[in-house]
Structures are given as structure tokens and as C-alpha cells.
Amino acid sequence: MPNLTSLKPLLFIVVFYLLAFWLSLSYWAFRDARERSNSVLFHVFATGLSLVLPIFGLFIYMIIRPPLTMAERRALELETQALAEPGGPARELRPCPSCGEPIDSQYVLCPHCKTQFSKLCPRCNKQLKLGWSVCPYCAEEVPLQGGAVPTPHIAR
């Protein structure tokens, strides 16, 4: 019969590594659950599941865990919100009436052929159409193309 005392250190090392692996899996499940949910009950459930059922519990946890971390969810919400805002990254492009190049609908003039589409109010810097003589935002009288300021018509 072989001497088993020489196998004790090897057995101790194997058991130690299995125990360390088991605890590290439980710790990973706890950290992952913390990143995916604010619920303390969910944290306890994930950690307990991986402690009670060492490898199978981790597989079960990976199936039922939320698909995104809280940081990923927040980034997705911000991205969706930024895309939904008017004047956000998804601005509307239209062709220039003179040269046909695609330009942003907020442009005052075409950067390709320099055709002017609108003008800016000298007081509030809001975009105005070329034919407007008064800024609808701040009531500033705006000179027309010739430079003359039209006299306002008062209805009586």
C-alpha cells in the first residue's frame, strides 16, 4: 500500500486552490451584481447562489442577471436623450438651392457657394429669414438688404 502522507501536501494545495477559486467566483458575482443593480437583496441573492452552488450557481446568475450595468444603462439613456433633442447630433440636412450640396438646415449661408439663406439679429444673434425687418425674438429692427430700416406700420 502506498504511503499517503506524501500526498497530503499535494492534497492541501489542491483543496486550497479549489477553495480560493470558489471564493473568488462568489466575490466576482457580488461585484458584478453591485454593478448591475442597486438592490441589496439582489446582491445577497447573487453571492449566496454562487456560494451554495459554486459553479452552477454562477451559470444561473449569469442567465438571470440584468444585461447591462448601471453605467451602461445611464450612457445609453444619455445617448438616446441627446439624439432626441432638437439641434442635437442628428441635425437635418437639406440641399443648397444654388449648388445642391447637402448643408445643415441651421446654416446662415452655404459654405460651398456662399449663397445666403438667412441673417442673424444684431442684438440676440437668433437666425432670421432674409425678408424679415424685425426680429421676432427681441423686437430689434433689422436693416433689409439695402441697409435701410423700414418704418413700422401701426394699425389703428
Foldseek 3Di string as FASTA:
>chain_A
DDDCVVCVVVVVVVVVVVVVLLVVLLVVQLVQLVQADPDPVSSCQLSVQCNVVVPVSSVVCVVPTDPDGPVVVVVVVVVVVQVPDAVHPPFDWDADPPPGDTDGPLDQADPPPGHGQFDADPPPRDTGGQPDQADPPPRHGHAHPVRDRDDDDDDD
